[in-house]
């Protein structure tokens, strides 16, 4: 039997459904813009990668563990502001 992406997707959706999870087609969630779900995913993925990098740097340079979460959040907020400025 040849396993395709469609077979895996159907099996996964069936399994999730048996666990009482619902699935919704992406564009139905954010139908106001074409490809909005893709942009959101890319943005969240970039934020997650940045968060990992910042945490590694903080640990590497001995930043106080109890202050790392706040520092990470501050860096993410600053990065978001810079991105907004660069977009214009």
N, C-alpha and C. Protein backbone atom coordinates (compact mmCIF):
# COMPACT_ATOMS: atom_id res chain seq x y z
N UNK A 1 0.85 -1.19 0.00
CA UNK A 1 0.00 0.00 0.00
C UNK A 1 0.88 1.24 0.00
N UNK A 2 0.60 2.15 -0.88
CA UNK A 2 1.33 3.41 -0.99
C UNK A 2 0.67 4.45 -0.09
N UNK A 3 1.43 5.01 0.85
CA UNK A 3 0.88 6.00 1.78
C UNK A 3 1.08 7.39 1.20
N UNK A 4 -0.03 8.13 1.10
CA UNK A 4 0.03 9.49 0.58
C UNK A 4 -0.33 10.48 1.68
N UNK A 5 -0.10 11.73 1.41
CA UNK A 5 -0.46 12.77 2.37
C UNK A 5 -1.96 12.75 2.66
N UNK A 6 -2.77 12.50 1.64
CA UNK A 6 -4.22 12.45 1.82
C UNK A 6 -4.64 11.34 2.77
N UNK A 7 -4.00 10.19 2.66
CA UNK A 7 -4.33 9.06 3.54
C UNK A 7 -3.98 9.41 4.98
N UNK A 8 -2.81 9.99 5.17
CA UNK A 8 -2.38 10.38 6.52
C UNK A 8 -3.32 11.45 7.08
N UNK A 9 -3.68 12.42 6.25
CA UNK A 9 -4.57 13.48 6.70
C UNK A 9 -5.93 12.92 7.12
N UNK A 10 -6.50 12.06 6.31
CA UNK A 10 -7.80 11.47 6.63
C UNK A 10 -7.73 10.66 7.92
N UNK A 11 -6.67 9.88 8.09
CA UNK A 11 -6.52 9.07 9.30
C UNK A 11 -6.38 9.96 10.52
N UNK A 12 -5.61 11.03 10.39
CA UNK A 12 -5.41 11.96 11.50
C UNK A 12 -6.71 12.67 11.87
N UNK A 13 -7.45 13.14 10.88
CA UNK A 13 -8.72 13.81 11.15
C UNK A 13 -9.72 12.86 11.79
N UNK A 14 -9.72 11.63 11.33
CA UNK A 14 -10.61 10.62 11.91
C UNK A 14 -10.24 10.36 13.37
N UNK A 15 -8.95 10.21 13.64
CA UNK A 15 -8.47 9.98 15.01
C UNK A 15 -8.83 11.16 15.91
N UNK A 16 -8.58 12.39 15.44
CA UNK A 16 -8.91 13.58 16.24
C UNK A 16 -10.41 13.66 16.49
N UNK A 17 -11.19 13.32 15.49
CA UNK A 17 -12.65 13.32 15.64
C UNK A 17 -13.08 12.31 16.71
N UNK A 18 -12.42 11.16 16.76
CA UNK A 18 -12.77 10.16 17.78
C UNK A 18 -12.43 10.65 19.19
N UNK A 19 -11.54 11.64 19.28
CA UNK A 19 -11.18 12.25 20.57
C UNK A 19 -12.01 13.50 20.86
N UNK A 20 -13.06 13.70 20.05
CA UNK A 20 -13.98 14.84 20.20
C UNK A 20 -13.38 16.18 19.80
N UNK A 21 -12.39 16.16 18.93
CA UNK A 21 -11.85 17.40 18.40
C UNK A 21 -12.53 17.70 17.07
N UNK A 22 -12.79 18.97 16.83
CA UNK A 22 -13.40 19.36 15.56
C UNK A 22 -12.32 19.94 14.65
N UNK A 23 -12.51 19.81 13.37
CA UNK A 23 -11.59 20.43 12.42
C UNK A 23 -12.38 21.39 11.55
N UNK A 24 -11.74 22.50 11.21
CA UNK A 24 -12.37 23.52 10.38
C UNK A 24 -11.39 23.89 9.28
N UNK A 25 -11.90 24.08 8.09
CA UNK A 25 -11.10 24.49 6.94
C UNK A 25 -10.55 25.89 7.21
N UNK A 26 -9.25 26.09 7.05
CA UNK A 26 -8.58 27.35 7.37
C UNK A 26 -9.27 28.61 6.88
N UNK A 27 -9.59 28.72 5.58
CA UNK A 27 -10.24 29.94 5.09
C UNK A 27 -11.61 30.21 5.73
N UNK A 28 -12.26 29.17 6.28
CA UNK A 28 -13.53 29.38 6.96
C UNK A 28 -13.34 30.09 8.30
N UNK A 29 -12.14 29.97 8.86
CA UNK A 29 -11.84 30.61 10.13
C UNK A 29 -11.60 32.11 9.93
N UNK A 30 -10.81 32.44 8.92
CA UNK A 30 -10.46 33.84 8.64
C UNK A 30 -10.83 34.15 7.20
N UNK A 31 -12.11 34.18 6.95
CA UNK A 31 -12.57 34.34 5.57
C UNK A 31 -12.51 35.77 5.06
N UNK A 32 -12.19 36.74 5.92
CA UNK A 32 -12.18 38.13 5.47
C UNK A 32 -11.00 38.47 4.56
N UNK A 33 -9.94 37.69 4.62
CA UNK A 33 -8.78 37.96 3.77
C UNK A 33 -8.30 36.66 3.13
N UNK A 34 -7.90 36.75 1.86
CA UNK A 34 -7.35 35.54 1.25
C UNK A 34 -5.99 35.22 1.88
N UNK A 35 -5.75 33.97 2.18
CA UNK A 35 -4.50 33.47 2.76
C UNK A 35 -4.18 34.06 4.12
N UNK A 36 -5.17 34.53 4.85
CA UNK A 36 -4.93 35.12 6.17
C UNK A 36 -4.36 34.09 7.13
N UNK A 37 -4.83 32.85 7.03
CA UNK A 37 -4.32 31.84 7.94
C UNK A 37 -2.85 31.56 7.68
N UNK A 38 -2.40 31.67 6.46
CA UNK A 38 -0.99 31.45 6.11
C UNK A 38 -0.13 32.55 6.73
N UNK A 39 -0.56 33.81 6.60
CA UNK A 39 0.20 34.93 7.16
C UNK A 39 0.29 34.81 8.67
N UNK A 40 -0.80 34.43 9.30
CA UNK A 40 -0.82 34.28 10.75
C UNK A 40 0.15 33.19 11.18
N UNK A 41 0.16 32.08 10.46
CA UNK A 41 1.06 30.97 10.78
C UNK A 41 2.51 31.41 10.65
N UNK A 42 2.83 32.11 9.59
CA UNK A 42 4.21 32.56 9.37
C UNK A 42 4.63 33.51 10.48
N UNK A 43 3.74 34.42 10.85
CA UNK A 43 4.05 35.38 11.91
C UNK A 43 4.28 34.66 13.23
N UNK A 44 3.41 33.72 13.59
CA UNK A 44 3.54 32.99 14.85
C UNK A 44 4.78 32.11 14.84
N UNK A 45 5.10 31.53 13.70
CA UNK A 45 6.29 30.70 13.58
C UNK A 45 7.55 31.53 13.79
N UNK A 46 7.58 32.72 13.20
CA UNK A 46 8.73 33.61 13.36
C UNK A 46 8.87 34.05 14.82
N UNK A 47 7.75 34.36 15.46
CA UNK A 47 7.79 34.76 16.87
C UNK A 47 8.31 33.61 17.75
N UNK A 48 7.89 32.41 17.45
CA UNK A 48 8.34 31.25 18.24
C UNK A 48 9.84 31.04 18.08
N UNK A 49 10.35 31.18 16.85
CA UNK A 49 11.78 31.02 16.62
C UNK A 49 12.57 32.11 17.34
N UNK A 50 12.08 33.33 17.27
CA UNK A 50 12.75 34.44 17.95
C UNK A 50 12.75 34.22 19.46
N UNK A 51 11.63 33.74 20.00
CA UNK A 51 11.53 33.46 21.43
C UNK A 51 12.60 32.44 21.86
N UNK A 52 12.79 31.40 21.06
CA UNK A 52 13.80 30.37 21.37
C UNK A 52 15.20 30.98 21.34
N UNK A 53 15.48 31.78 20.33
CA UNK A 53 16.80 32.41 20.21
C UNK A 53 17.08 33.32 21.39
N UNK A 54 16.10 34.13 21.76
CA UNK A 54 16.29 35.07 22.88
C UNK A 54 16.53 34.30 24.17
N UNK A 55 15.76 33.26 24.41
CA UNK A 55 15.93 32.47 25.65
C UNK A 55 17.32 31.83 25.70
N UNK A 56 17.79 31.32 24.57
CA UNK A 56 19.13 30.73 24.53
C UNK A 56 20.19 31.76 24.86
N UNK A 57 20.06 32.94 24.27
CA UNK A 57 21.04 34.00 24.53
C UNK A 57 21.02 34.43 26.00
N UNK A 58 19.83 34.55 26.56
CA UNK A 58 19.74 34.95 27.96
C UNK A 58 20.40 33.93 28.87
N UNK A 59 20.17 32.64 28.60
CA UNK A 59 20.81 31.60 29.41
C UNK A 59 22.32 31.60 29.21
N UNK A 60 22.73 31.75 27.94
CA UNK A 60 24.16 31.72 27.61
C UNK A 60 24.93 32.80 28.37
N UNK A 61 24.32 33.98 28.50
CA UNK A 61 25.02 35.10 29.13
C UNK A 61 24.61 35.30 30.59
N UNK A 62 24.01 34.28 31.20
CA UNK A 62 23.76 34.29 32.63
C UNK A 62 22.69 35.25 33.12
N UNK A 63 21.71 35.55 32.27
CA UNK A 63 20.62 36.43 32.69
C UNK A 63 19.81 35.74 33.78
N UNK A 64 19.37 36.49 34.75
CA UNK A 64 18.64 35.92 35.90
C UNK A 64 17.42 35.11 35.42
N UNK A 65 17.32 33.84 35.80
CA UNK A 65 16.21 32.99 35.34
C UNK A 65 14.83 33.55 35.64
N UNK A 66 14.66 34.20 36.78
CA UNK A 66 13.34 34.72 37.14
C UNK A 66 12.95 35.95 36.32
N UNK A 67 13.89 36.51 35.58
CA UNK A 67 13.59 37.69 34.76
C UNK A 67 13.61 37.39 33.26
N UNK A 68 13.88 36.15 32.91
CA UNK A 68 14.00 35.80 31.49
C UNK A 68 12.68 35.94 30.72
N UNK A 69 11.57 35.55 31.33
CA UNK A 69 10.28 35.63 30.62
C UNK A 69 9.94 37.07 30.28
N UNK A 70 10.11 37.98 31.23
CA UNK A 70 9.82 39.40 30.99
C UNK A 70 10.76 39.97 29.93
N UNK A 71 12.03 39.60 30.00
CA UNK A 71 13.01 40.08 29.00
C UNK A 71 12.66 39.56 27.61
N UNK A 72 12.26 38.30 27.53
CA UNK A 72 11.87 37.71 26.25
C UNK A 72 10.66 38.45 25.68
N UNK A 73 9.68 38.71 26.51
CA UNK A 73 8.48 39.43 26.08
C UNK A 73 8.84 40.83 25.60
N UNK A 74 9.73 41.50 26.30
CA UNK A 74 10.16 42.85 25.91
C UNK A 74 10.82 42.83 24.53
N UNK A 75 11.70 41.85 24.30
CA UNK A 75 12.38 41.75 23.01
C UNK A 75 11.36 41.50 21.89
N UNK A 76 10.39 40.62 22.14
CA UNK A 76 9.37 40.34 21.12
C UNK A 76 8.54 41.59 20.81
N UNK A 77 8.20 42.35 21.83
CA UNK A 77 7.44 43.59 21.62
C UNK A 77 8.26 44.59 20.81
N UNK A 78 9.54 44.71 21.14
CA UNK A 78 10.41 45.63 20.41
C UNK A 78 10.56 45.20 18.95
N UNK A 79 10.70 43.90 18.73
CA UNK A 79 10.82 43.38 17.37
C UNK A 79 9.56 43.66 16.57
N UNK A 80 8.41 43.52 17.20
CA UNK A 80 7.15 43.79 16.51
C UNK A 80 7.04 45.27 16.13
N UNK A 81 7.47 46.16 17.03
CA UNK A 81 7.46 47.59 16.72
C UNK A 81 8.40 47.92 15.57
N UNK A 82 9.58 47.31 15.57
CA UNK A 82 10.52 47.54 14.47
C UNK A 82 9.95 47.06 13.15
N UNK A 83 9.31 45.91 13.16
CA UNK A 83 8.71 45.38 11.93
C UNK A 83 7.65 46.32 11.39
N UNK A 84 6.85 46.89 12.29
CA UNK A 84 5.81 47.84 11.85
C UNK A 84 6.45 49.07 11.22
N UNK A 85 7.53 49.55 11.82
CA UNK A 85 8.21 50.74 11.28
C UNK A 85 8.82 50.43 9.92
N UNK A 86 9.45 49.26 9.78
CA UNK A 86 10.10 48.88 8.54
C UNK A 86 9.09 48.63 7.43
N UNK A 87 7.86 48.29 7.79
CA UNK A 87 6.84 47.99 6.78
C UNK A 87 6.35 49.25 6.07
N UNK A 88 6.61 50.42 6.67
CA UNK A 88 6.12 51.65 6.05
C UNK A 88 7.17 52.38 5.31
